[in-house]
Protein backbone atom coordinates (compact mmCIF):
# COMPACT_ATOMS: atom_id res chain seq x y z
CA MET A 1 183.65 89.11 91.81
CA GLU A 2 186.12 92.08 90.89
CA LYS A 3 186.86 92.91 87.29
CA ILE A 4 189.96 91.27 85.66
CA ASN A 5 192.65 93.95 84.80
CA ALA A 6 192.77 92.94 81.06
CA ALA A 7 192.07 94.38 77.41
CA ILE A 8 189.56 92.41 75.65
CA GLY A 9 188.95 91.60 72.30
CA PHE A 10 185.80 91.09 70.87
CA ILE A 11 184.85 89.42 67.54
CA GLY A 12 181.74 89.44 65.70
CA THR A 13 179.50 92.59 66.38
CA GLY A 14 175.97 91.06 65.67
CA VAL A 15 172.77 90.80 67.12
CA MET A 16 174.42 89.32 70.02
CA GLY A 17 177.85 90.56 70.29
CA ARG A 18 177.26 93.76 70.07
CA SER A 19 175.16 93.70 72.96
CA MET A 20 177.67 91.48 75.25
CA ALA A 21 180.71 93.90 74.32
CA SER A 22 178.66 96.30 75.29
CA HIS A 23 178.26 94.68 78.77
CA LEU A 24 181.89 94.60 78.81
CA LEU A 25 182.64 98.32 78.32
CA ASP A 26 179.74 99.25 80.98
CA ALA A 27 181.59 97.02 83.37
CA GLY A 28 185.06 98.99 82.85
CA TYR A 29 187.10 96.73 80.40
CA GLU A 30 189.29 98.23 77.81
CA VAL A 31 187.33 96.52 74.38
CA PHE A 32 188.71 95.92 70.98
CA VAL A 33 186.44 94.89 68.51
CA TYR A 34 186.41 93.78 64.95
CA ASN A 35 183.84 92.63 63.05
CA ARG A 36 183.25 91.78 59.16
CA THR A 37 180.91 94.56 58.53
CA LYS A 38 182.75 97.71 60.25
CA SER A 39 179.51 99.77 60.49
CA SER A 40 178.03 96.83 62.79
CA ALA A 41 180.57 97.81 65.33
CA ASP A 42 179.57 101.50 64.75
CA SER A 43 177.68 101.68 68.22
CA LEU A 44 180.58 100.00 70.45
CA VAL A 45 183.08 102.36 68.72
CA GLN A 46 181.02 105.90 69.87
CA LYS A 47 180.55 103.89 73.35
CA GLY A 48 184.36 103.38 73.46
CA ALA A 49 185.36 100.71 72.03
CA ILE A 50 188.24 100.44 69.81
CA TRP A 51 188.42 99.25 66.29
CA LYS A 52 190.92 96.86 65.06
CA ASP A 53 191.45 96.13 61.48
CA THR A 54 192.52 92.62 61.26
CA VAL A 55 192.09 89.90 63.43
CA ALA A 56 195.76 89.55 63.97
CA GLU A 57 196.08 93.01 65.16
CA LEU A 58 193.18 92.48 67.80
CA ALA A 59 194.80 89.08 68.71
CA LYS A 60 198.48 91.13 69.37
CA ASP A 61 196.92 93.61 71.61
CA SER A 62 194.17 92.03 73.74
CA ASP A 63 194.80 90.05 76.96
CA ILE A 64 191.40 88.38 76.54
CA ILE A 65 190.03 87.48 73.04
CA ILE A 66 186.33 86.72 72.53
CA THR A 67 184.42 85.34 69.56
CA MET A 68 180.37 85.30 68.54
CA VAL A 69 180.37 84.77 64.45
CA GLY A 70 177.94 82.62 62.71
CA TYR A 71 179.34 79.25 61.72
CA PRO A 72 182.22 76.59 62.70
CA GLN A 73 184.04 77.28 59.11
CA ASP A 74 184.27 81.05 60.35
CA VAL A 75 185.35 80.00 63.84
CA GLU A 76 188.02 77.07 62.65
CA GLU A 77 189.39 80.51 60.46
CA VAL A 78 189.04 82.98 63.10
CA PHE A 79 190.69 80.89 65.44
CA LEU A 80 193.42 78.79 63.25
CA GLY A 81 193.87 80.56 60.06
CA GLU A 82 196.95 81.93 59.36
CA LYS A 83 196.04 85.46 60.16
CA GLY A 84 193.82 83.90 62.89
CA ILE A 85 193.75 84.74 66.81
CA VAL A 86 196.15 81.20 67.77
CA ASN A 87 198.81 82.14 65.57
CA ASN A 88 198.58 85.87 66.57
CA ALA A 89 198.05 85.92 70.09
CA LYS A 90 200.38 86.19 72.46
CA ALA A 91 201.09 83.62 75.25
CA GLY A 92 198.94 83.83 78.46
CA THR A 93 196.17 85.19 76.42
CA TYR A 94 192.36 83.74 77.15
CA ILE A 95 190.87 82.75 74.26
CA ILE A 96 186.66 82.43 74.22
CA ASP A 97 184.68 80.90 71.52
CA MET A 98 181.11 81.99 72.50
CA THR A 99 179.83 81.08 69.42
CA THR A 100 178.01 77.77 68.83
CA SER A 101 179.98 75.74 66.98
CA GLU A 102 181.12 72.03 66.79
CA PRO A 103 182.55 70.11 70.08
CA SER A 104 185.69 68.53 68.07
CA LEU A 105 186.26 72.03 66.72
CA ALA A 106 186.12 73.40 70.37
CA LYS A 107 189.02 69.99 70.97
CA LYS A 108 191.11 71.08 68.00
CA ILE A 109 191.22 74.76 68.81
CA PHE A 110 191.81 74.04 72.66
CA GLU A 111 195.00 71.71 71.93
CA GLU A 112 196.64 74.03 69.25
CA ALA A 113 196.28 76.81 71.78
CA LYS A 114 197.70 74.57 74.80
CA LYS A 115 200.88 74.28 72.00
CA LYS A 116 201.58 77.99 72.53
CA GLY A 117 200.53 78.83 75.81
CA ILE A 118 197.23 80.32 75.33
CA HIS A 119 194.03 79.50 77.52
CA SER A 120 191.15 78.68 75.74
CA LEU A 121 187.90 77.89 76.84
CA ASP A 122 184.42 77.02 74.52
CA ALA A 123 181.71 78.69 76.04
CA PRO A 124 178.25 78.87 73.83
CA VAL A 125 175.15 80.91 75.22
CA SER A 126 171.44 80.46 75.59
CA GLY A 127 168.83 83.23 75.82
CA GLY A 128 169.00 85.28 72.79
CA ASP A 129 168.69 88.84 71.94
CA VAL A 130 166.39 89.76 75.40
CA GLY A 131 169.48 87.60 77.37
CA ALA A 132 172.41 89.16 75.75
CA ARG A 133 170.91 92.83 76.16
CA ASN A 134 169.98 92.16 79.59
CA ALA A 135 173.38 90.18 80.39
CA THR A 136 171.69 87.12 81.66
CA LEU A 137 172.30 84.80 79.28
CA THR A 138 173.23 81.48 80.45
CA ILE A 139 177.04 80.42 79.68
CA MET A 140 177.76 76.67 79.22
CA VAL A 141 181.59 76.01 79.40
CA GLY A 142 184.21 73.25 78.45
CA GLY A 143 187.72 73.69 79.55
CA ASP A 144 190.12 73.62 82.49
CA LYS A 145 189.07 74.69 85.89
CA GLU A 146 191.61 77.08 86.28
CA ALA A 147 190.96 79.00 83.49
CA PHE A 148 187.26 78.81 83.93
CA GLU A 149 187.77 80.45 87.26
CA LYS A 150 189.76 83.20 86.07
CA MET A 151 187.18 84.52 83.34
CA ILE A 152 184.36 84.36 86.14
CA PRO A 153 184.40 87.98 86.10
CA VAL A 154 184.17 88.40 82.47
CA PHE A 155 181.48 86.00 82.12
CA GLU A 156 179.34 88.17 85.08
CA ALA A 157 179.22 91.06 82.80
CA MET A 158 177.35 89.08 80.19
CA GLY A 159 175.31 86.50 82.17
CA LYS A 160 174.05 85.06 85.28
CA ASN A 161 173.58 81.12 84.88
CA ILE A 162 177.28 80.38 84.19
CA ILE A 163 178.54 76.70 84.79
CA LEU A 164 181.75 74.97 83.77
CA GLN A 165 180.71 71.64 82.29
CA GLY A 166 183.59 69.59 81.64
CA ALA A 167 186.78 69.79 79.81
CA ALA A 168 186.85 70.99 76.17
CA GLY A 169 184.33 70.24 73.83
CA ALA A 170 182.13 70.11 77.13
CA GLY A 171 180.51 73.53 76.84
CA GLN A 172 179.41 73.32 73.07
CA HIS A 173 178.22 69.54 73.73
CA THR A 174 176.00 71.50 76.47
CA LYS A 175 174.38 74.09 73.59
CA MET A 176 173.57 70.94 71.65
CA CYS A 177 171.06 69.64 74.66
CA ASN A 178 169.74 72.84 74.71
CA GLN A 179 169.40 73.42 71.05
CA ILE A 180 167.52 70.09 71.03
CA ALA A 181 164.89 70.84 74.05
CA ILE A 182 164.52 74.27 72.01
CA ALA A 183 163.67 72.74 68.36
CA SER A 184 160.82 70.04 69.96
CA ASN A 185 159.41 72.86 71.81
CA MET A 186 159.37 74.96 69.39
CA ILE A 187 156.75 73.11 67.61
CA GLY A 188 154.60 73.38 70.25
CA VAL A 189 154.82 76.33 71.12
CA SER A 190 153.78 77.61 67.56
CA GLU A 191 150.92 75.06 67.25
CA ALA A 192 149.34 75.94 70.46
CA ILE A 193 149.23 79.76 69.27
CA VAL A 194 147.72 78.62 66.00
CA TYR A 195 145.28 76.10 67.55
CA ALA A 196 144.53 79.03 69.88
CA LYS A 197 143.48 81.33 67.33
CA LYS A 198 141.61 78.52 65.04
CA ALA A 199 139.50 77.94 67.91
CA GLY A 200 138.57 81.51 67.94
CA LEU A 201 140.25 82.29 71.24
CA ASP A 202 142.11 85.19 72.19
CA PRO A 203 145.89 84.07 72.27
CA GLU A 204 147.39 86.60 74.40
CA ARG A 205 144.70 85.29 76.95
CA VAL A 206 145.30 81.96 76.43
CA LEU A 207 149.36 82.75 76.64
CA GLN A 208 148.14 84.25 80.09
CA SER A 209 147.16 80.92 81.08
CA ILE A 210 148.92 78.41 79.65
CA GLY A 211 152.67 80.65 80.34
CA ALA A 212 152.11 80.18 84.22
CA GLY A 213 151.20 76.65 84.15
CA ALA A 214 153.33 73.14 83.15
CA ALA A 215 153.26 74.31 79.49
CA GLY A 216 155.33 77.23 80.94
CA SER A 217 158.87 77.49 79.00
CA TRP A 218 161.41 80.80 77.99
CA SER A 219 160.09 79.93 74.39
CA LEU A 220 156.64 80.48 75.33
CA SER A 221 157.21 83.63 77.07
CA ASN A 222 159.50 85.36 75.37
CA LEU A 223 158.75 84.05 71.49
CA ALA A 224 154.95 83.27 71.40
CA PRO A 225 154.20 87.47 72.24
CA ARG A 226 156.11 88.31 69.28
CA MET A 227 154.31 85.52 67.27
CA ILE A 228 151.11 86.56 68.11
CA LYS A 229 152.27 90.69 67.11
CA GLY A 230 153.63 89.19 63.76
CA ASP A 231 157.00 90.09 65.02
CA PHE A 232 159.50 87.85 62.92
CA GLU A 233 162.58 89.99 63.33
CA PRO A 234 165.87 87.77 64.80
CA GLY A 235 166.63 87.36 68.45
CA PHE A 236 168.03 84.41 66.88
CA TYR A 237 168.44 83.72 63.13
CA VAL A 238 166.80 80.76 61.73
CA LYS A 239 169.75 80.00 59.66
CA HIS A 240 171.99 79.50 63.10
CA MET A 241 169.35 77.24 64.26
CA VAL A 242 169.61 75.07 61.34
CA LYS A 243 172.95 75.32 61.45
CA ASP A 244 173.11 74.04 65.43
CA MET A 245 170.49 71.38 64.59
CA LYS A 246 172.46 70.41 61.78
CA ILE A 247 175.78 69.65 64.31
CA ALA A 248 173.76 68.26 66.99
CA LEU A 249 172.36 65.85 64.45
CA SER A 250 175.40 64.79 63.41
CA GLU A 251 176.86 64.62 66.90
CA ALA A 252 173.82 62.17 67.57
CA GLU A 253 174.40 60.08 64.70
CA LYS A 254 177.92 59.41 66.15
CA MET A 255 176.63 58.52 69.02
CA GLY A 256 174.31 56.65 67.94
CA LEU A 257 171.56 57.71 69.59
CA TRP A 258 167.68 58.53 67.53
CA THR A 259 166.37 61.84 67.93
CA PRO A 260 162.93 61.89 66.30
CA GLY A 261 162.29 65.02 67.67
CA LEU A 262 164.94 67.08 66.61
CA GLU A 263 164.83 65.45 63.17
CA LEU A 264 160.96 66.59 62.61
CA ALA A 265 162.18 70.51 63.39
CA LYS A 266 164.65 69.96 61.25
CA SER A 267 162.71 68.87 58.43
CA LEU A 268 160.26 71.92 59.34
CA TYR A 269 163.24 74.53 59.38
CA ASP A 270 164.29 73.64 55.93
CA GLU A 271 160.81 74.37 54.99
CA VAL A 272 161.00 77.50 56.43
CA VAL A 273 164.61 78.17 54.68
CA ARG A 274 162.97 76.85 51.21
CA GLU A 275 160.26 79.75 51.69
CA ASN A 276 163.51 82.28 51.99
CA LYS A 277 163.23 83.22 55.54
CA GLU A 278 166.57 82.00 56.90
CA ASN A 279 167.22 85.49 58.06
CA LYS A 280 164.19 85.91 60.08
CA GLY A 281 163.82 85.11 64.03
CA THR A 282 163.10 81.27 64.76
CA GLN A 283 159.63 82.41 66.06
CA VAL A 284 158.69 82.45 62.13
CA LEU A 285 158.35 78.57 62.05
CA TYR A 286 154.47 80.15 63.32
CA GLU A 287 154.07 81.24 60.16
CA LEU A 288 154.24 78.17 58.70
CA LEU A 289 151.95 75.87 60.69
CA ASP A 290 149.49 79.35 60.19
CA LYS A 291 148.21 78.13 56.45
């Protein structure tokens, strides 16, 4: 689809957000950026993005506002604070939270935005730093169908698998499904590579075999090679995975759902955090098991 004639404000230019905003620039959009640490947006400004000193200033000047921040409390402050998006954006603005956050908060933002004539979508993503860099993110969306369809060209600049899952909050619930699947899978991937090493095998050759079979997964293909190389730099932070697992466990409890795999993964990542590795990539779980 052709791009929309609109100015896009992008808040949160970290590991993921920086690449996502860069793709919007590549697609020809006028992009305003804001981040708590200004230097994180330097490369975008050099590329043509326009820096805004506050969230409120960015909100007033943007037709579409995308956020990719850290935690639910950050989302709530950025959207619903006195100097936040909802209180400063003009009627008719489209606001899209791509942070992984709480479904209940997505619904709250939707309702508060609706009161002011603002269209709200929750659209968390999957694919990590690789997907962000390659514009191949999976984007899971909650909100009104009309707003979703209007924003498809914007989503297409950042991702490939873009699906409306339902009403407000449905995108976040879908991301919880994603994180539950990843959490247990990461244990299996880590244990498999440790086993290969302990058995005296060449882990890279093992990966060539099992990655092409029934054991294949995104984590096995993209994160196992990093484990083998000792590369534990973040594509996705441990601290953010722990945050996501807390949300998923809370939502599962509300539904009366038992999630033993998720509980085990959370306990292992809690140990990783105790080892002060919360700023490493999720593949650092391998180090915990390789002892």
